[in-house]
Every structure is written in structure tokens, then in C-alpha cells.
């Protein structure tokens, strides 16, 4: 999942256009200062949050559903999730730091994050239609 920070999973995910969101992030960084934003990103977003975000976006391909269905270490607004996703995609400094931090996640924690990733719509349809009856 860490290698997927190429933007391919992010196509068409947002209510805001990609160009508009990237401009918004760029403008915000110019106003606040890049270093201050970098420190803020590092403090609030944990490596497990980044891993959960990346795997969920790869899986369900919709940031709205990620916002509604993924439990992060603290509450993030949809806007914060959108901004973090684009930061991971387009900010080489943050992206590199996040990838390094995710590589250091213990295997059992990594597996838990993967197990907690919501099913995609396709997977849900397969499960519903697999013909398994309830255990009643």
C-alpha cells in the first residue's frame, strides 16, 4: 500500500476538483509557511492513520466513504482527510516521512489496520451473493 502514493487510487474521489484542492493546499501552505504545516501534519497524523487512509482509499476509492467508515486515532474532518490524502500524494517531504514511519509500524499493528479496512462495494456484493446462509 505504501507504494501506491502515485495518485492512481485518488482519481475522481473528491467533491472538490483535484486542481482546486491542490491549489487550496498550496495557497494554505504559502500563507502559513511550509515548515509550520509540516510540523502540524507530523503531530496529528500517526503512521497508522496514514496506513489506514491509504489502504481504505485503495480499497473503496471514495474519500467520503473513508471519512464515514474508517476509525482514525482521532477525529478528522472530511476536509482534513482530503488535505492529508493530497499531501501524501503531492508533497515529497511529507510523503517520504510518512512512508518511513509506516515502514516502522509493528507487523501486528499493520495487520490490524489491514483487517479494519472497510470492504469495497464489489467485495460487499460478492459476499452478499456468495450463497452462504446465516447460522440460525
C-alpha atoms as a PDB file:
ATOM      1  CA  UNK A   1       0.000   0.000   0.000  1.00  0.00           C
ATOM      2  CA  UNK A   2       2.811   2.461   0.733  1.00  0.00           C
ATOM      3  CA  UNK A   3       3.991   2.289  -2.879  1.00  0.00           C
ATOM      4  CA  UNK A   4       0.581   3.407  -4.111  1.00  0.00           C
ATOM      5  CA  UNK A   5       1.204   7.074  -3.423  1.00  0.00           C
ATOM      6  CA  UNK A   6       1.221   7.717  -7.158  1.00  0.00           C
ATOM      7  CA  UNK A   7      -2.268   9.188  -7.319  1.00  0.00           C
ATOM      8  CA  UNK A   8      -3.880   6.367  -9.277  1.00  0.00           C
ATOM      9  CA  UNK A   9      -6.254   5.431  -6.455  1.00  0.00           C
ATOM     10  CA  UNK A  10      -7.215   9.055  -5.936  1.00  0.00           C
ATOM     11  CA  UNK A  11      -8.796   9.663  -9.335  1.00  0.00           C
ATOM     12  CA  UNK A  12     -12.288  11.098  -9.089  1.00  0.00           C
ATOM     13  CA  UNK A  13     -12.564  10.731  -5.338  1.00  0.00           C
ATOM     14  CA  UNK A  14     -13.401  14.191  -4.193  1.00  0.00           C
ATOM     15  CA  UNK A  15     -16.255  16.599  -4.249  1.00  0.00           C
ATOM     16  CA  UNK A  16     -13.664  19.304  -4.942  1.00  0.00           C
ATOM     17  CA  UNK A  17     -11.786  19.063  -8.206  1.00  0.00           C
ATOM     18  CA  UNK A  18      -8.198  17.845  -7.949  1.00  0.00           C
ATOM     19  CA  UNK A  19      -6.826  21.111  -9.289  1.00  0.00           C
ATOM     20  CA  UNK A  20      -8.934  23.197  -6.911  1.00  0.00           C
ATOM     21  CA  UNK A  21      -7.935  21.137  -3.868  1.00  0.00           C
ATOM     22  CA  UNK A  22      -4.237  21.197  -4.794  1.00  0.00           C
ATOM     23  CA  UNK A  23      -4.444  24.987  -5.219  1.00  0.00           C
ATOM     24  CA  UNK A  24      -6.207  25.310  -1.862  1.00  0.00           C
ATOM     25  CA  UNK A  25      -3.465  23.291  -0.141  1.00  0.00           C
ATOM     26  CA  UNK A  26      -0.713  25.234  -1.927  1.00  0.00           C
ATOM     27  CA  UNK A  27      -2.299  28.582  -1.000  1.00  0.00           C
ATOM     28  CA  UNK A  28      -2.733  27.498   2.614  1.00  0.00           C
ATOM     29  CA  UNK A  29       0.925  26.499   2.811  1.00  0.00           C
ATOM     30  CA  UNK A  30       2.026  29.817   1.376  1.00  0.00           C
ATOM     31  CA  UNK A  31       0.016  31.700   3.997  1.00  0.00           C
ATOM     32  CA  UNK A  32       1.106  29.643   6.990  1.00  0.00           C
ATOM     33  CA  UNK A  33       4.593  28.676   5.968  1.00  0.00           C
ATOM     34  CA  UNK A  34       5.661  25.251   4.812  1.00  0.00           C
ATOM     35  CA  UNK A  35       7.614  24.335   7.924  1.00  0.00           C
ATOM     36  CA  UNK A  36       4.717  25.064  10.286  1.00  0.00           C
ATOM     37  CA  UNK A  37       2.358  22.946   8.136  1.00  0.00           C
ATOM     38  CA  UNK A  38       4.854  20.092   8.044  1.00  0.00           C
ATOM     39  CA  UNK A  39       5.165  20.053  11.822  1.00  0.00           C
ATOM     40  CA  UNK A  40       1.368  20.163  12.233  1.00  0.00           C
ATOM     41  CA  UNK A  41       0.939  17.241   9.812  1.00  0.00           C
ATOM     42  CA  UNK A  42       3.550  15.197  11.648  1.00  0.00           C
ATOM     43  CA  UNK A  43       1.944  15.789  15.039  1.00  0.00           C
ATOM     44  CA  UNK A  44      -1.659  14.885  14.388  1.00  0.00           C
ATOM     45  CA  UNK A  45      -1.475  12.186  11.716  1.00  0.00           C
ATOM     46  CA  UNK A  46       0.000   8.982  13.095  1.00  0.00           C
ATOM     47  CA  UNK A  47       1.641   6.380  10.848  1.00  0.00           C
ATOM     48  CA  UNK A  48      -1.329   4.077  11.475  1.00  0.00           C
ATOM     49  CA  UNK A  49      -3.677   6.864  10.326  1.00  0.00           C
ATOM     50  CA  UNK A  50      -1.713   7.235   7.092  1.00  0.00           C
ATOM     51  CA  UNK A  51      -1.753   3.485   6.553  1.00  0.00           C
ATOM     52  CA  UNK A  52      -5.493   3.329   7.233  1.00  0.00           C
ATOM     53  CA  UNK A  53      -6.102   6.241   4.867  1.00  0.00           C
ATOM     54  CA  UNK A  54      -4.022   4.773   2.053  1.00  0.00           C
ATOM     55  CA  UNK A  55      -5.413   1.252   2.308  1.00  0.00           C
ATOM     56  CA  UNK A  56      -9.001   2.490   2.588  1.00  0.00           C
ATOM     57  CA  UNK A  57      -8.657   4.781  -0.423  1.00  0.00           C
ATOM     58  CA  UNK A  58      -7.118   1.929  -2.427  1.00  0.00           C
ATOM     59  CA  UNK A  59      -9.903  -0.371  -1.312  1.00  0.00           C
ATOM     60  CA  UNK A  60     -13.056   1.742  -1.557  1.00  0.00           C
ATOM     61  CA  UNK A  61     -11.810   4.587  -3.778  1.00  0.00           C
ATOM     62  CA  UNK A  62     -14.004   7.248  -2.199  1.00  0.00           C
ATOM     63  CA  UNK A  63     -12.815   9.741   0.421  1.00  0.00           C
ATOM     64  CA  UNK A  64     -16.378  10.370   1.580  1.00  0.00           C
ATOM     65  CA  UNK A  65     -16.744   6.689   2.451  1.00  0.00           C
ATOM     66  CA  UNK A  66     -13.293   6.690   4.042  1.00  0.00           C
ATOM     67  CA  UNK A  67     -14.406   9.607   6.215  1.00  0.00           C
ATOM     68  CA  UNK A  68     -17.567   7.753   7.233  1.00  0.00           C
ATOM     69  CA  UNK A  69     -16.121   4.268   7.627  1.00  0.00           C
ATOM     70  CA  UNK A  70     -12.545   4.434   8.904  1.00  0.00           C
ATOM     71  CA  UNK A  71     -11.711   4.880  12.575  1.00  0.00           C
ATOM     72  CA  UNK A  72      -8.582   7.011  12.890  1.00  0.00           C
ATOM     73  CA  UNK A  73      -6.603   7.699  16.070  1.00  0.00           C
ATOM     74  CA  UNK A  74      -8.504  10.981  16.477  1.00  0.00           C
ATOM     75  CA  UNK A  75     -11.362  12.760  14.732  1.00  0.00           C
ATOM     76  CA  UNK A  76     -10.518  14.202  11.320  1.00  0.00           C
ATOM     77  CA  UNK A  77     -12.940  16.224   9.241  1.00  0.00           C
ATOM     78  CA  UNK A  78     -13.580  15.288   5.623  1.00  0.00           C
ATOM     79  CA  UNK A  79     -11.576  18.339   4.619  1.00  0.00           C
ATOM     80  CA  UNK A  80      -8.608  17.214   6.756  1.00  0.00           C
ATOM     81  CA  UNK A  81      -8.764  13.746   5.217  1.00  0.00           C
ATOM     82  CA  UNK A  82      -8.873  15.217   1.716  1.00  0.00           C
ATOM     83  CA  UNK A  83      -5.956  17.507   2.510  1.00  0.00           C
ATOM     84  CA  UNK A  84      -3.896  14.681   4.011  1.00  0.00           C
ATOM     85  CA  UNK A  85      -4.550  12.455   1.005  1.00  0.00           C
ATOM     86  CA  UNK A  86      -3.315  15.157  -1.369  1.00  0.00           C
ATOM     87  CA  UNK A  87      -0.396  15.971   0.895  1.00  0.00           C
ATOM     88  CA  UNK A  88       0.672  12.325   0.781  1.00  0.00           C
ATOM     89  CA  UNK A  89       0.346  12.361  -2.993  1.00  0.00           C
ATOM     90  CA  UNK A  90       1.961  15.679  -3.840  1.00  0.00           C
ATOM     91  CA  UNK A  91       4.248  16.786  -1.012  1.00  0.00           C
ATOM     92  CA  UNK A  92       7.518  14.873  -1.393  1.00  0.00           C
ATOM     93  CA  UNK A  93       8.796  15.762   2.091  1.00  0.00           C
ATOM     94  CA  UNK A  94       5.666  14.661   3.974  1.00  0.00           C
ATOM     95  CA  UNK A  95       5.204  11.659   1.691  1.00  0.00           C
ATOM     96  CA  UNK A  96       8.741  10.420   2.341  1.00  0.00           C
ATOM     97  CA  UNK A  97       8.419  10.927   6.103  1.00  0.00           C
ATOM     98  CA  UNK A  98       5.053   9.148   6.150  1.00  0.00           C
ATOM     99  CA  UNK A  99       6.400   6.205   4.146  1.00  0.00           C
ATOM    100  CA  UNK A 100       9.364   5.844   6.504  1.00  0.00           C
ATOM    101  CA  UNK A 101       7.100   5.967   9.546  1.00  0.00           C
ATOM    102  CA  UNK A 102       4.707   3.378   8.057  1.00  0.00           C
ATOM    103  CA  UNK A 103       7.641   1.029   7.392  1.00  0.00           C
ATOM    104  CA  UNK A 104       8.330   1.086  11.149  1.00  0.00           C
ATOM    105  CA  UNK A 105       4.808   0.022  12.163  1.00  0.00           C
ATOM    106  CA  UNK A 106       4.988  -3.330  14.022  1.00  0.00           C
ATOM    107  CA  UNK A 107       3.640  -6.255  11.992  1.00  0.00           C
ATOM    108  CA  UNK A 108       0.741  -6.970  14.360  1.00  0.00           C
ATOM    109  CA  UNK A 109      -0.385  -3.318  14.256  1.00  0.00           C
ATOM    110  CA  UNK A 110      -0.021  -3.292  10.467  1.00  0.00           C
ATOM    111  CA  UNK A 111      -2.187  -6.431  10.219  1.00  0.00           C
ATOM    112  CA  UNK A 112      -4.853  -4.909  12.475  1.00  0.00           C
ATOM    113  CA  UNK A 113      -5.072  -1.800  10.302  1.00  0.00           C
ATOM    114  CA  UNK A 114      -5.396  -4.006   7.215  1.00  0.00           C
ATOM    115  CA  UNK A 115      -8.107  -6.119   8.852  1.00  0.00           C
ATOM    116  CA  UNK A 116     -10.044  -2.975   9.842  1.00  0.00           C
ATOM    117  CA  UNK A 117     -10.087  -1.627   6.275  1.00  0.00           C
ATOM    118  CA  UNK A 118     -13.673  -1.447   5.002  1.00  0.00           C
ATOM    119  CA  UNK A 119     -14.758  -3.713   2.151  1.00  0.00           C
ATOM    120  CA  UNK A 120     -15.162  -2.228  -1.298  1.00  0.00           C
ATOM    121  CA  UNK A 121     -18.593  -2.174  -2.911  1.00  0.00           C
ATOM    122  CA  UNK A 122     -17.510  -5.037  -5.190  1.00  0.00           C
ATOM    123  CA  UNK A 123     -16.396  -7.140  -2.214  1.00  0.00           C
ATOM    124  CA  UNK A 124     -19.645  -6.469  -0.383  1.00  0.00           C
ATOM    125  CA  UNK A 125     -21.606  -7.561  -3.470  1.00  0.00           C
ATOM    126  CA  UNK A 126     -19.588 -10.791  -3.707  1.00  0.00           C
ATOM    127  CA  UNK A 127     -20.160 -11.544  -0.017  1.00  0.00           C
ATOM    128  CA  UNK A 128     -23.889 -10.848  -0.325  1.00  0.00           C
ATOM    129  CA  UNK A 129     -24.199 -13.047  -3.394  1.00  0.00           C
ATOM    130  CA  UNK A 130     -21.942 -15.925  -2.322  1.00  0.00           C
ATOM    131  CA  UNK A 131     -24.876 -18.090  -1.239  1.00  0.00           C
ATOM    132  CA  UNK A 132     -23.839 -18.616   2.375  1.00  0.00           C
ATOM    133  CA  UNK A 133     -26.867 -18.818   4.622  1.00  0.00           C
ATOM    134  CA  UNK A 134     -26.922 -17.492   8.165  1.00  0.00           C
ATOM    135  CA  UNK A 135     -26.076 -19.758  11.067  1.00  0.00           C
ATOM    136  CA  UNK A 136     -29.542 -19.609  12.627  1.00  0.00           C
END
